Amino acid sequence: MIDILYDHFLANDNDLFTEESLLHFTKEVYQTLENDAVNLPPHFLHVLTYMKMENWLYHYRTPEGIQKSLRGLVRRASFIHDSSKAIEVFIHHYDELKECYHKFFPDVKQMAKQKLAELLA
């Protein structure tokens, strides 16, 4: 669930995206996934249809989009039965979660750069 919550802060990270550039980026992501559909699990292809149609990645910008995503996770995960506590934590601890994201994300970017360099070597 924290991954979904961090997606909200990523989508709203003004150092990375404007509203317009996020919209463009999400369209590119969906196109890339569709172009590589043969390598994706069949179940994900079904989810991808809805992701693209409703532009989940873009709507992570809004609290409503995150709430919808968390409710969808509950429907798909057999081990999670309720998203209300996660939504409550998201709302009541928004600033603390945002601060954690900003402390964590530089390390994620560095790790991704290193992994990409390894793969390209």
Protein backbone atom coordinates (compact mmCIF):
# COMPACT_ATOMS: atom_id res chain seq x y z
CA MET A 1 0.00 0.00 0.00
CA ILE A 2 2.88 2.37 0.68
CA ASP A 3 3.92 1.96 -2.95
CA ILE A 4 0.54 3.31 -4.04
CA LEU A 5 0.75 6.16 -1.54
CA TYR A 6 4.23 7.05 -2.76
CA ASP A 7 2.88 7.05 -6.33
CA HIS A 8 0.74 10.00 -5.27
CA PHE A 9 3.77 11.96 -4.11
CA LEU A 10 5.71 10.96 -7.22
CA ALA A 11 2.89 12.15 -9.48
CA ASN A 12 2.88 15.46 -7.60
CA ASP A 13 6.66 15.87 -7.45
CA ASN A 14 7.19 19.25 -9.11
CA ASP A 15 10.88 18.44 -9.59
CA LEU A 16 9.84 15.65 -11.95
CA PHE A 17 6.46 16.46 -13.45
CA THR A 18 4.13 19.22 -14.37
CA GLU A 19 0.51 18.23 -14.78
CA GLU A 20 1.00 18.24 -18.56
CA SER A 21 4.28 16.28 -18.53
CA LEU A 22 2.75 13.66 -16.24
CA LEU A 23 -0.14 13.21 -18.65
CA HIS A 24 2.33 12.78 -21.53
CA PHE A 25 4.45 10.37 -19.47
CA THR A 26 1.49 8.18 -18.55
CA LYS A 27 0.48 7.86 -22.20
CA GLU A 28 4.05 6.79 -23.05
CA VAL A 29 4.02 4.20 -20.26
CA TYR A 30 0.77 2.66 -21.48
CA GLN A 31 2.06 2.58 -25.07
CA THR A 32 5.32 0.94 -23.96
CA LEU A 33 3.40 -1.71 -22.03
CA GLU A 34 1.09 -2.39 -24.94
CA ASN A 35 4.06 -2.66 -27.32
CA ASP A 36 5.59 -5.30 -25.05
CA ALA A 37 2.32 -7.10 -24.28
CA VAL A 38 3.67 -10.44 -25.45
CA ASN A 39 6.03 -10.43 -22.44
CA LEU A 40 3.42 -9.44 -19.87
CA PRO A 41 1.33 -11.84 -17.77
CA PRO A 42 -2.15 -12.37 -19.24
CA HIS A 43 -3.83 -11.22 -16.03
CA PHE A 44 -1.93 -7.92 -16.15
CA LEU A 45 -3.11 -7.30 -19.71
CA HIS A 46 -6.69 -7.32 -18.43
CA VAL A 47 -5.76 -4.81 -15.70
CA LEU A 48 -3.81 -2.71 -18.21
CA THR A 49 -6.98 -2.18 -20.22
CA TYR A 50 -8.62 -0.49 -17.23
CA MET A 51 -5.44 1.31 -16.21
CA LYS A 52 -5.21 2.96 -19.59
CA MET A 53 -8.93 3.60 -20.03
CA GLU A 54 -9.18 5.34 -16.65
CA ASN A 55 -5.58 6.62 -16.68
CA TRP A 56 -4.77 5.37 -13.21
CA LEU A 57 -1.19 6.62 -13.33
CA TYR A 58 -2.28 10.17 -14.01
CA HIS A 59 -5.05 10.12 -11.43
CA TYR A 60 -2.57 9.14 -8.71
CA ARG A 61 -2.17 12.94 -8.48
CA THR A 62 -5.42 13.18 -6.58
CA PRO A 63 -6.38 11.77 -3.19
CA GLU A 64 -9.51 10.36 -4.86
CA GLY A 65 -7.34 8.52 -7.40
CA ILE A 66 -5.27 7.00 -4.60
CA GLN A 67 -8.37 5.96 -2.69
CA LYS A 68 -9.76 4.30 -5.83
CA SER A 69 -6.45 2.52 -6.39
CA LEU A 70 -6.36 1.24 -2.81
CA ARG A 71 -9.92 -0.04 -3.10
CA GLY A 72 -8.94 -1.79 -6.34
CA LEU A 73 -5.97 -3.39 -4.61
CA VAL A 74 -8.29 -4.80 -1.97
CA ARG A 75 -10.48 -6.34 -4.69
CA ARG A 76 -7.48 -8.00 -6.36
CA ALA A 77 -5.47 -9.13 -3.29
CA SER A 78 -6.67 -12.16 -1.39
CA PHE A 79 -4.72 -11.19 1.75
CA ILE A 80 -6.07 -7.62 2.10
CA HIS A 81 -9.68 -7.13 3.07
CA ASP A 82 -10.06 -3.42 3.76
CA SER A 83 -8.42 -0.24 2.53
CA SER A 84 -10.08 2.14 4.98
CA LYS A 85 -7.17 2.12 7.45
CA ALA A 86 -4.65 2.89 4.68
CA ILE A 87 -6.86 5.71 3.42
CA GLU A 88 -7.18 7.05 6.95
CA VAL A 89 -3.40 6.97 7.44
CA PHE A 90 -2.92 8.67 4.07
CA ILE A 91 -5.27 11.51 4.97
CA HIS A 92 -4.23 12.02 8.59
CA HIS A 93 -0.48 11.60 8.06
CA TYR A 94 -0.19 13.18 4.65
CA ASP A 95 2.64 15.56 5.50
CA GLU A 96 4.68 12.89 7.31
CA LEU A 97 4.26 10.46 4.41
CA LYS A 98 5.26 13.17 1.96
CA GLU A 99 8.40 13.87 3.98
CA CYS A 100 9.25 10.15 4.02
CA TYR A 101 8.81 10.05 0.24
CA HIS A 102 11.19 12.98 -0.23
CA LYS A 103 13.80 11.30 1.98
CA PHE A 104 13.41 7.92 0.24
CA PHE A 105 13.07 8.85 -3.43
CA PRO A 106 16.65 10.09 -4.06
CA ASP A 107 17.92 6.64 -3.06
CA VAL A 108 15.42 5.00 -5.40
CA LYS A 109 16.60 7.18 -8.29
CA GLN A 110 20.24 6.37 -7.56
CA MET A 111 19.55 2.64 -7.37
CA ALA A 112 17.61 2.77 -10.65
CA LYS A 113 20.48 4.62 -12.37
CA GLN A 114 22.97 2.02 -11.14
CA LYS A 115 20.79 -0.87 -12.26
CA LEU A 116 20.26 0.70 -15.68
CA ALA A 117 24.02 1.19 -16.06
CA GLU A 118 24.57 -2.49 -15.15
CA LEU A 119 21.98 -3.63 -17.69
CA LEU A 120 23.44 -1.47 -20.43
CA ALA A 121 27.03 -2.58 -19.74
